[in-house]
Amino acid sequence: MRTFLISFMFVALIAPSGAIAEPTERLSTITDRDFVNLTVYNGGTALVHDRRRVNVNAGLNRIAWRDVSADMDPTSALLEGVGASNHISVIEQNFNYDLLNPSALLQKYVGREVVVVHEARFAGDRDTREKARILSINGGIVLQYRDRIETEVRGYIIYPASPKNFRDRPTLDLDMQSQRDGPQTLDLSYLTGGLSWHADYVGVVSPDEAQLSLVGLVTLSNTSGSSYENARLQLVAGNVNTASPAGSALREIAHVASDVYSASGVRQENYFEYHLYTMEHPTTILDKQTKQLTLLTARGIPIRKTLELRGSGQYYESPEPDLGDRTPASVYVTFENRGGDLGIPLPGGVVRIYENDSRNLSQFLGSDQIEHTARNEKVRLHLGDSFDVTARKRQTDFHRAGSCSVDSSYEIVVSNAKSTAQDVLVVESIPGDWQILDESLQHAKSSASTANWSVHVLPDKRSTLTYTARVKWC
């Protein structure tokens, strides 16, 4: 059982002399709601704006604001009047998540007296009632009667009254001061856990494997203990620090630089150092529900497929046996996040790629995870390994050229069982201070520790790359 009772002072008011009457509690439910806005962040945090029309009296009011998130952070809660109706100030608020259930009732009544009803065991007998005090519920109930102690209830318990602060659903109790009578529009905002989202992408490769159609989906999960009907939904992509203070940080970073609308009706905004996506149509997010919404749709994206053989720096240090007899080439697909229906910041997520077969049925090609990708940046996906393009790799020579230098030679035979010619990129990570002494194809130095060779292989043929590298260790 989860129990919270948190109380804190927002505004200190000087009470007038004399006793103040306890205000009558007024219940506010979702039937009072004008709208609810959810801003959901990547890390599983959401900012809720719950705006309601509530009748208040001049002076002190007590409002039981029901249907808040069970995972709310009560220290981040902020109640404000909206517009011209901003005539309220909060004195005290308590988050009551002491929900009414049999186990909670037992715990509340430990040390208190209840009525135990002993049910009749035989036909014609009557139920009997007896007062008892609940001594403990650890590992089972312990009851003290007038003349004995028992550890079992043969019947049921009647409780005198529901204990104070029990609620049938999560409720924020608000004591507030109003300057006038009548209905007021109040906005309750707070941070909560239990709401999270991530992006998923589905791409279909064209028959000539030159273009890609891409659909971006938002997968939204709600385990907050509350449902949000007809909610205005906003999503923030980026790593937001919510350490301290939790509430104010997220409310102060709303600098908008530009708006971009996707074909799916999603507005994208540059939002401080993050990106904000606003769904143009309200949606209902039920508790314990996972749903998907379309984020973007883009067609005709130019792609480039590459086959790559990637080596290791370890075999430049010592003599090695065969380095691989039938090593498959890895398959990569690359495209740029620019132009057409694309060109918006892409939230990180899983990209799944398909291609239609001869019967026009889509078949799965592979998937990869992408990080948050800004406009005009490249997206590179590792989809799997080639079945028909493989390589045999071996070290043909190894000797020390000095006290801290090594010369080693390699042969890479690339086989192509396809009916079309293939270009294979051989990528070698070479440690230390290195140079290529001899090679059958010209290499390109793509980084301080990487040499690349492009090997062209005809259909049903083999091509051989040989090279010798000198590595200095000191």
Protein backbone atom coordinates (compact mmCIF):
# COMPACT_ATOMS: atom_id res chain seq x y z
CA MET A 1 0.00 0.00 0.00
CA ARG A 2 1.30 3.40 -0.95
CA THR A 3 0.67 6.29 1.42
CA PHE A 4 1.52 9.98 1.05
CA LEU A 5 0.53 12.89 3.21
CA ILE A 6 2.53 15.96 2.33
CA SER A 7 1.73 19.44 3.53
CA PHE A 8 3.57 22.69 2.97
CA MET A 9 2.94 26.45 3.28
CA PHE A 10 2.80 28.63 0.18
CA VAL A 11 1.55 31.99 1.51
CA ALA A 12 1.67 33.10 5.12
CA LEU A 13 -1.49 34.95 6.14
CA ILE A 14 -2.01 36.76 9.43
CA ALA A 15 -5.20 35.40 10.98
CA PRO A 16 -7.56 37.94 12.53
CA SER A 17 -8.28 37.75 16.22
CA GLY A 18 -10.91 35.27 17.27
CA ALA A 19 -11.69 31.79 16.06
CA ILE A 20 -11.96 31.06 12.35
CA ALA A 21 -14.66 28.68 11.23
CA GLU A 22 -13.48 25.57 9.49
CA PRO A 23 -14.32 25.98 5.76
CA THR A 24 -16.68 23.54 4.11
CA GLU A 25 -14.91 21.23 1.71
CA ARG A 26 -15.90 21.64 -1.94
CA LEU A 27 -15.23 18.73 -4.28
CA SER A 28 -13.77 19.39 -7.74
CA THR A 29 -13.79 16.55 -10.27
CA ILE A 30 -13.01 16.21 -13.95
CA THR A 31 -16.56 17.39 -14.71
CA ASP A 32 -15.28 20.89 -13.78
CA ARG A 33 -12.37 20.59 -16.21
CA ASP A 34 -12.06 23.07 -19.09
CA PHE A 35 -9.05 21.28 -20.53
CA VAL A 36 -5.92 19.38 -19.57
CA ASN A 37 -2.52 19.87 -21.20
CA LEU A 38 0.22 17.25 -20.95
CA THR A 39 3.86 17.99 -21.73
CA VAL A 40 5.69 14.67 -21.67
CA TYR A 41 9.49 14.49 -21.48
CA ASN A 42 11.86 11.76 -22.65
CA GLY A 43 12.92 10.75 -19.16
CA GLY A 44 9.49 9.61 -17.92
CA THR A 45 8.43 12.97 -16.45
CA ALA A 46 5.37 14.96 -17.49
CA LEU A 47 4.08 18.43 -16.72
CA VAL A 48 0.29 18.50 -16.25
CA HIS A 49 -1.85 21.63 -16.59
CA ASP A 50 -5.33 20.83 -15.25
CA ARG A 51 -7.61 23.83 -15.79
CA ARG A 52 -11.04 23.84 -14.11
CA ARG A 53 -14.00 26.14 -13.48
CA VAL A 54 -14.67 26.10 -9.72
CA ASN A 55 -17.18 28.00 -7.56
CA VAL A 56 -15.51 29.66 -4.56
CA ASN A 57 -16.55 31.91 -1.72
CA ALA A 58 -14.95 35.15 -0.65
CA GLY A 59 -12.50 34.30 2.12
CA LEU A 60 -11.18 30.88 3.04
CA ASN A 61 -12.01 27.90 0.83
CA ARG A 62 -11.15 24.22 1.02
CA ILE A 63 -11.15 22.40 -2.32
CA ALA A 64 -10.65 18.66 -2.73
CA TRP A 65 -9.08 18.55 -6.22
CA ARG A 66 -9.74 14.98 -7.30
CA ASP A 67 -8.41 12.93 -10.20
CA VAL A 68 -4.81 14.09 -10.02
CA SER A 69 -1.99 11.76 -10.99
CA ALA A 70 -1.12 9.15 -8.37
CA ASP A 71 2.56 9.72 -9.25
CA MET A 72 2.45 13.50 -8.91
CA ASP A 73 5.32 15.35 -7.25
CA PRO A 74 3.37 17.42 -4.69
CA THR A 75 6.32 19.77 -4.14
CA SER A 76 5.94 20.93 -7.75
CA ALA A 77 2.19 21.66 -7.54
CA LEU A 78 1.16 25.23 -8.31
CA LEU A 79 -2.42 26.57 -8.29
CA GLU A 80 -3.04 29.83 -10.12
CA GLY A 81 -6.04 31.86 -11.10
CA VAL A 82 -6.36 32.44 -14.83
CA GLY A 83 -6.63 35.90 -16.39
CA ALA A 84 -8.89 38.44 -14.76
CA SER A 85 -10.06 35.82 -12.25
CA ASN A 86 -6.65 35.70 -10.59
CA HIS A 87 -7.97 36.57 -7.12
CA ILE A 88 -6.72 33.59 -5.13
CA SER A 89 -3.78 32.74 -2.91
CA VAL A 90 -2.96 29.27 -1.61
CA ILE A 91 -2.44 28.84 2.12
CA GLU A 92 -1.89 25.10 2.42
CA GLN A 93 -2.12 22.01 0.28
CA ASN A 94 -2.02 18.30 1.10
CA PHE A 95 -1.62 15.42 -1.30
CA ASN A 96 -3.74 12.55 -0.02
CA TYR A 97 -3.04 9.22 -1.61
CA ASP A 98 -4.27 7.19 1.32
CA LEU A 99 -6.74 5.29 -0.81
CA LEU A 100 -9.70 3.51 0.69
CA ASN A 101 -9.27 -0.28 0.70
CA PRO A 102 -9.54 -3.08 3.33
CA SER A 103 -5.80 -3.21 4.01
CA ALA A 104 -5.60 0.57 4.46
CA LEU A 105 -8.57 0.54 6.83
CA LEU A 106 -6.96 -2.11 9.01
CA GLN A 107 -3.75 -0.14 9.20
CA LYS A 108 -5.57 3.07 10.12
CA TYR A 109 -7.48 1.35 12.94
CA VAL A 110 -4.51 -0.27 14.67
CA GLY A 111 -4.92 0.64 18.35
CA ARG A 112 -8.58 1.55 17.91
CA GLU A 113 -11.82 -0.22 18.72
CA VAL A 114 -13.99 -1.89 16.07
CA VAL A 115 -16.99 -4.20 16.02
CA VAL A 116 -16.38 -7.82 15.02
CA VAL A 117 -19.36 -9.68 13.59
CA HIS A 118 -19.16 -13.44 14.28
CA GLU A 119 -21.16 -15.17 11.60
CA ALA A 120 -23.52 -17.96 12.61
CA ARG A 121 -22.06 -21.42 12.09
CA PHE A 122 -25.26 -23.43 12.14
CA ALA A 123 -28.70 -23.03 10.67
CA GLY A 124 -31.04 -21.24 13.00
CA ASP A 125 -28.23 -19.42 14.84
CA ARG A 126 -27.80 -15.67 14.66
CA ASP A 127 -24.75 -13.54 13.99
CA THR A 128 -23.24 -12.05 17.16
CA ARG A 129 -21.38 -8.79 17.59
CA GLU A 130 -18.48 -8.05 19.90
CA LYS A 131 -16.21 -5.06 20.43
CA ALA A 132 -12.46 -5.58 20.02
CA ARG A 133 -9.30 -3.50 19.72
CA ILE A 134 -6.94 -4.09 16.76
CA LEU A 135 -3.50 -4.61 18.31
CA SER A 136 -1.48 -5.43 15.21
CA ILE A 137 -1.73 -6.42 11.55
CA ASN A 138 1.88 -7.53 11.05
CA GLY A 139 1.69 -10.96 9.43
CA GLY A 140 -1.99 -11.22 10.29
CA ILE A 141 -4.56 -9.50 12.46
CA VAL A 142 -4.35 -9.55 16.29
CA LEU A 143 -7.57 -8.64 18.14
CA GLN A 144 -7.97 -7.93 21.85
CA TYR A 145 -11.44 -8.69 23.22
CA ARG A 146 -12.59 -7.94 26.75
CA ASP A 147 -11.51 -11.36 28.01
CA ARG A 148 -9.10 -12.75 25.40
CA ILE A 149 -6.80 -12.15 22.39
CA GLU A 150 -7.47 -13.77 19.03
CA THR A 151 -5.54 -13.87 15.76
CA GLU A 152 -8.32 -14.67 13.34
CA VAL A 153 -11.65 -13.17 12.33
CA ARG A 154 -14.49 -15.64 11.75
CA GLY A 155 -16.78 -13.12 10.11
CA TYR A 156 -16.18 -9.48 9.28
CA ILE A 157 -15.32 -6.14 10.86
CA ILE A 158 -17.49 -3.03 11.17
CA TYR A 159 -15.55 0.23 11.40
CA PRO A 160 -17.16 3.14 13.33
CA ALA A 161 -16.44 5.70 10.59
CA SER A 162 -14.06 6.34 7.73
CA PRO A 163 -10.83 7.86 9.07
CA LYS A 164 -10.02 11.43 8.13
CA ASN A 165 -7.88 11.94 5.01
CA PHE A 166 -9.07 8.74 3.32
CA ARG A 167 -9.83 9.20 -0.36
CA ASP A 168 -11.20 6.82 -2.96
CA ARG A 169 -8.77 8.24 -5.53
CA PRO A 170 -5.69 10.52 -5.47
CA THR A 171 -6.73 14.00 -4.30
CA LEU A 172 -4.95 17.29 -3.70
CA ASP A 173 -6.59 19.17 -0.82
CA LEU A 174 -6.23 22.95 -1.19
CA ASP A 175 -6.85 25.64 1.42
CA MET A 176 -7.04 28.93 -0.46
CA GLN A 177 -8.07 32.51 0.07
CA SER A 178 -10.32 34.18 -2.52
CA GLN A 179 -11.01 37.88 -2.83
CA ARG A 180 -14.49 37.38 -4.27
CA ASP A 181 -17.42 35.02 -4.63
CA GLY A 182 -18.38 33.13 -7.74
CA PRO A 183 -16.90 30.81 -10.35
CA GLN A 184 -13.21 31.16 -11.09
CA THR A 185 -10.94 29.49 -13.63
CA LEU A 186 -8.11 27.77 -11.77
CA ASP A 187 -5.05 26.14 -13.29
CA LEU A 188 -3.30 23.40 -11.32
CA SER A 189 0.11 22.47 -12.72
CA TYR A 190 2.42 19.78 -11.40
CA LEU A 191 5.11 17.34 -12.41
CA THR A 192 4.36 13.65 -12.40
CA GLY A 193 5.94 10.32 -13.17
CA GLY A 194 4.16 7.49 -14.90
CA LEU A 195 3.97 9.16 -18.31
CA SER A 196 6.65 8.46 -20.88
CA TRP A 197 7.14 8.48 -24.63
CA HIS A 198 9.58 7.43 -27.27
CA ALA A 199 9.70 7.58 -31.02
CA ASP A 200 9.39 4.59 -33.35
CA TYR A 201 9.98 4.76 -37.07
CA VAL A 202 8.81 2.47 -39.86
CA GLY A 203 10.53 2.75 -43.22
CA VAL A 204 9.79 1.02 -46.54
CA VAL A 205 12.58 0.77 -49.11
CA SER A 206 11.68 1.24 -52.78
CA PRO A 207 12.12 -1.71 -55.19
CA ASP A 208 15.30 -0.18 -56.62
CA GLU A 209 16.61 0.37 -53.06
CA ALA A 210 17.28 4.03 -53.86
CA GLN A 211 14.53 5.67 -51.81
CA LEU A 212 12.77 5.31 -48.49
CA SER A 213 9.27 6.13 -47.25
CA LEU A 214 9.35 6.87 -43.52
CA VAL A 215 6.59 7.13 -40.90
CA GLY A 216 7.47 8.41 -37.44
CA LEU A 217 5.28 7.26 -34.57
CA VAL A 218 5.07 8.45 -30.97
CA THR A 219 4.61 5.59 -28.51
CA LEU A 220 3.07 6.99 -25.32
CA SER A 221 2.63 4.99 -22.10
CA ASN A 222 0.51 6.01 -19.12
CA THR A 223 0.95 4.31 -15.73
CA SER A 224 0.30 7.45 -13.66
CA GLY A 225 -2.91 6.13 -12.08
CA SER A 226 -5.03 8.76 -13.82
CA SER A 227 -6.70 9.11 -17.22
CA TYR A 228 -6.58 12.27 -19.33
CA GLU A 229 -9.57 12.72 -21.62
CA ASN A 230 -9.32 15.00 -24.67
CA ALA A 231 -5.88 16.12 -23.56
CA ARG A 232 -3.76 18.59 -25.44
CA LEU A 233 -0.51 16.69 -25.89
CA GLN A 234 3.00 18.11 -26.18
CA LEU A 235 6.25 16.13 -26.32
CA VAL A 236 9.73 17.37 -25.49
CA ALA A 237 12.76 15.67 -27.06
CA GLY A 238 16.02 16.26 -25.25
CA ASN A 239 17.70 15.58 -21.93
CA VAL A 240 16.02 17.84 -19.37
CA ASN A 241 17.64 18.08 -15.95
CA THR A 242 14.94 17.99 -13.25
CA ALA A 243 17.19 17.83 -10.18
CA SER A 244 16.27 21.03 -8.30
CA PRO A 245 13.95 22.78 -8.23
CA ALA A 246 11.75 20.26 -10.01
CA GLY A 247 8.81 22.48 -10.80
CA SER A 248 10.19 25.83 -11.89
CA ALA A 249 12.88 24.63 -14.28
CA LEU A 250 10.46 23.20 -16.79
CA ARG A 251 8.17 26.23 -16.74
CA GLU A 252 10.87 28.76 -17.55
CA ILE A 253 12.41 27.35 -20.73
CA ALA A 254 9.75 28.26 -23.26
CA HIS A 255 11.71 30.34 -25.79
CA VAL A 256 10.28 29.58 -29.23
CA ALA A 257 12.50 30.28 -32.24
CA SER A 258 10.59 28.67 -35.09
CA ASP A 259 7.55 26.57 -35.93
CA VAL A 260 7.46 23.71 -38.42
CA TYR A 261 4.31 21.75 -39.30
CA SER A 262 4.61 18.16 -40.45
CA ALA A 263 2.18 16.54 -42.84
CA SER A 264 0.62 14.69 -39.90
CA GLY A 265 -0.46 17.96 -38.22
CA VAL A 266 2.32 18.14 -35.61
CA ARG A 267 3.87 21.52 -34.84
CA GLN A 268 7.56 21.41 -34.05
CA GLU A 269 9.20 24.27 -32.13
CA ASN A 270 12.75 25.01 -31.13
CA TYR A 271 12.32 25.08 -27.37
CA PHE A 272 15.32 26.36 -25.38
CA GLU A 273 17.93 23.62 -26.06
CA TYR A 274 15.23 21.03 -26.77
CA HIS A 275 12.53 20.42 -29.34
CA LEU A 276 8.82 20.62 -28.61
CA TYR A 277 6.23 18.71 -30.64
CA THR A 278 2.60 19.78 -30.26
CA MET A 279 -0.14 17.46 -31.45
CA GLU A 280 -2.77 19.54 -33.20
CA HIS A 281 -5.67 17.28 -32.24
CA PRO A 282 -6.65 16.36 -28.64
CA THR A 283 -6.29 12.75 -27.61
CA THR A 284 -7.52 10.62 -24.71
CA ILE A 285 -4.84 8.80 -22.73
CA LEU A 286 -6.28 6.19 -20.41
CA ASP A 287 -4.52 4.83 -17.35
CA LYS A 288 -2.52 1.64 -18.07
CA GLN A 289 -2.67 2.42 -21.79
CA THR A 290 0.01 2.46 -24.47
CA LYS A 291 -0.95 4.27 -27.65
CA GLN A 292 0.73 5.46 -30.83
CA LEU A 293 0.31 8.77 -32.65
CA THR A 294 1.74 9.78 -36.01
CA LEU A 295 4.65 12.21 -35.69
CA LEU A 296 5.74 12.55 -39.31
CA THR A 297 5.29 11.07 -42.78
CA ALA A 298 7.99 11.46 -45.43
CA ARG A 299 8.31 9.89 -48.88
CA GLY A 300 10.99 9.72 -51.53
CA ILE A 301 13.94 10.04 -49.16
CA PRO A 302 17.18 9.29 -51.06
CA ILE A 303 19.14 6.50 -49.35
CA ARG A 304 22.53 4.90 -49.82
CA LYS A 305 23.14 1.26 -49.04
CA THR A 306 26.71 0.24 -48.17
CA LEU A 307 28.40 -3.08 -47.42
CA GLU A 308 31.20 -2.84 -44.89
CA LEU A 309 33.86 -5.17 -43.47
CA ARG A 310 35.13 -3.82 -40.17
CA GLY A 311 38.34 -5.09 -38.60
CA SER A 312 39.91 -4.94 -35.17
CA GLY A 313 43.09 -3.30 -33.90
CA GLN A 314 44.06 -6.35 -31.83
CA TYR A 315 45.65 -8.40 -34.61
CA TYR A 316 48.27 -5.70 -35.34
CA GLU A 317 49.97 -6.54 -32.04
CA SER A 318 50.88 -10.21 -32.46
CA PRO A 319 50.90 -13.12 -34.95
CA GLU A 320 47.40 -14.41 -35.56
CA PRO A 321 45.83 -17.48 -37.21
CA ASP A 322 43.00 -17.07 -39.76
CA LEU A 323 40.98 -13.95 -39.00
CA GLY A 324 37.76 -15.23 -40.54
CA ASP A 325 36.84 -17.69 -43.27
CA ARG A 326 33.35 -16.50 -44.23
CA THR A 327 32.90 -13.15 -42.52
CA PRO A 328 29.70 -11.48 -43.79
CA ALA A 329 29.71 -7.85 -44.82
CA SER A 330 27.57 -5.63 -42.60
CA VAL A 331 24.68 -3.81 -44.28
CA TYR A 332 24.14 -0.10 -43.62
CA VAL A 333 21.53 2.34 -44.93
CA THR A 334 22.24 6.06 -44.73
CA PHE A 335 20.07 9.09 -45.46
CA GLU A 336 20.13 12.78 -44.63
CA ASN A 337 17.52 14.46 -42.48
CA ARG A 338 16.80 17.23 -44.93
CA GLY A 339 14.42 18.29 -47.70
CA GLY A 340 10.93 17.25 -48.74
CA ASP A 341 8.70 16.08 -45.92
CA LEU A 342 11.71 15.43 -43.70
CA GLY A 343 14.07 18.07 -42.33
CA ILE A 344 12.64 18.29 -38.80
CA PRO A 345 14.50 17.25 -35.64
CA LEU A 346 14.06 13.50 -35.23
CA PRO A 347 13.62 12.25 -31.64
CA GLY A 348 15.70 9.22 -30.75
CA GLY A 349 14.06 5.85 -31.21
CA VAL A 350 14.04 2.54 -33.06
CA VAL A 351 13.90 2.56 -36.86
CA ARG A 352 12.48 -0.60 -38.47
CA ILE A 353 13.02 -1.06 -42.20
CA TYR A 354 10.90 -3.14 -44.60
CA GLU A 355 10.84 -3.88 -48.32
CA ASN A 356 8.05 -5.37 -50.45
CA ASP A 357 8.69 -8.74 -52.06
CA SER A 358 7.55 -9.94 -55.51
CA ARG A 359 4.01 -10.49 -54.16
CA ASN A 360 3.93 -6.94 -52.76
CA LEU A 361 4.11 -8.18 -49.16
CA SER A 362 6.39 -6.22 -46.86
CA GLN A 363 9.31 -8.14 -45.37
CA PHE A 364 11.43 -7.05 -42.41
CA LEU A 365 15.01 -6.05 -43.31
CA GLY A 366 16.31 -5.04 -39.90
CA SER A 367 16.23 -2.28 -37.29
CA ASP A 368 18.54 0.06 -35.46
CA GLN A 369 18.40 2.65 -32.70
CA ILE A 370 19.03 6.30 -33.53
CA GLU A 371 19.87 9.13 -31.15
CA HIS A 372 18.21 12.55 -31.30
CA THR A 373 19.09 13.78 -34.79
CA ALA A 374 19.06 17.46 -35.73
CA ARG A 375 18.04 18.82 -39.13
CA ASN A 376 20.52 18.26 -41.97
CA GLU A 377 22.36 15.53 -40.05
CA LYS A 378 22.94 12.01 -41.37
CA VAL A 379 21.00 9.00 -40.13
CA ARG A 380 22.98 5.76 -40.36
CA LEU A 381 21.28 2.42 -39.76
CA HIS A 382 22.93 -0.97 -39.30
CA LEU A 383 20.34 -3.43 -40.61
CA GLY A 384 22.21 -6.74 -40.48
CA ASP A 385 24.72 -8.84 -42.42
CA SER A 386 24.87 -9.79 -46.07
CA PHE A 387 24.15 -13.40 -47.01
CA ASP A 388 25.93 -13.31 -50.40
CA VAL A 389 28.87 -10.96 -49.80
CA THR A 390 31.51 -12.46 -47.51
CA ALA A 391 35.24 -12.26 -46.93
CA ARG A 392 38.15 -14.53 -46.02
CA LYS A 393 40.77 -12.66 -44.03
CA ARG A 394 44.20 -13.80 -42.92
CA GLN A 395 47.47 -12.41 -41.68
CA THR A 396 50.16 -13.38 -44.21
CA ASP A 397 53.26 -12.03 -42.45
CA PHE A 398 54.30 -10.64 -39.10
CA HIS A 399 57.73 -9.51 -37.89
CA ARG A 400 59.24 -6.90 -35.64
CA ALA A 401 60.90 -4.03 -37.47
CA GLY A 402 62.59 -2.63 -34.37
CA SER A 403 62.38 -2.45 -30.61
CA CYS A 404 58.85 -1.00 -30.73
CA SER A 405 57.77 -1.39 -34.36
CA VAL A 406 55.85 -4.20 -36.03
CA ASP A 407 55.25 -4.91 -39.73
CA SER A 408 52.28 -7.10 -40.54
CA SER A 409 50.71 -8.11 -43.87
CA TYR A 410 47.11 -9.09 -44.64
CA GLU A 411 45.06 -10.63 -47.41
CA ILE A 412 41.32 -10.03 -47.67
CA VAL A 413 39.44 -11.99 -50.34
CA VAL A 414 35.93 -10.61 -50.91
CA SER A 415 33.39 -12.95 -52.55
CA ASN A 416 30.24 -11.79 -54.29
CA ALA A 417 27.54 -14.40 -54.97
CA LYS A 418 25.06 -11.80 -56.21
CA SER A 419 24.06 -11.31 -59.83
CA THR A 420 25.11 -7.65 -59.67
CA ALA A 421 28.46 -6.03 -58.92
CA GLN A 422 29.03 -4.87 -55.33
CA ASP A 423 31.26 -2.27 -53.72
CA VAL A 424 32.52 -3.27 -50.29
CA LEU A 425 34.14 -0.82 -47.88
CA VAL A 426 36.95 -2.39 -45.83
CA VAL A 427 37.42 -0.44 -42.60
CA GLU A 428 40.51 -1.19 -40.52
CA SER A 429 41.15 0.29 -37.09
CA ILE A 430 44.93 0.47 -36.76
CA PRO A 431 46.44 1.35 -33.37
CA GLY A 432 49.55 3.38 -32.55
CA ASP A 433 51.57 5.44 -35.01
CA TRP A 434 50.94 3.64 -38.28
CA GLN A 435 51.62 3.81 -42.00
CA ILE A 436 50.75 1.61 -44.97
CA LEU A 437 53.97 0.33 -46.58
CA ASP A 438 52.40 -1.57 -49.46
CA GLU A 439 48.88 -2.11 -50.81
CA SER A 440 47.06 -3.48 -53.86
CA LEU A 441 44.40 -0.73 -53.68
CA GLN A 442 44.77 2.88 -52.57
CA HIS A 443 43.58 3.49 -49.02
CA ALA A 444 41.93 6.58 -47.52
CA LYS A 445 42.78 7.73 -44.01
CA SER A 446 39.35 8.59 -42.57
CA SER A 447 40.61 9.27 -39.03
CA ALA A 448 43.79 9.12 -36.97
CA SER A 449 43.30 5.38 -36.40
CA THR A 450 41.27 4.28 -39.44
CA ALA A 451 42.18 3.20 -42.96
CA ASN A 452 39.49 2.52 -45.61
CA TRP A 453 39.66 0.61 -48.88
CA SER A 454 36.87 0.40 -51.46
CA VAL A 455 36.79 -3.04 -53.08
CA HIS A 456 34.75 -3.53 -56.28
CA VAL A 457 33.59 -7.12 -56.82
CA LEU A 458 32.00 -8.35 -60.06
CA PRO A 459 28.99 -10.75 -60.03
CA ASP A 460 29.93 -14.28 -58.93
CA LYS A 461 33.58 -13.20 -58.60
CA ARG A 462 36.19 -12.54 -55.97
CA SER A 463 38.42 -9.53 -55.44
CA THR A 464 41.55 -9.53 -53.31
CA LEU A 465 42.95 -6.72 -51.20
CA THR A 466 46.48 -7.01 -49.80
CA TYR A 467 48.34 -4.51 -47.66
CA THR A 468 51.24 -4.21 -45.24
CA ALA A 469 51.10 -1.90 -42.23
CA ARG A 470 53.89 -0.69 -39.94
CA VAL A 471 52.82 0.13 -36.42
CA LYS A 472 55.05 1.98 -33.97
CA TRP A 473 54.31 1.67 -30.28
CA CYS A 474 56.85 4.16 -28.94
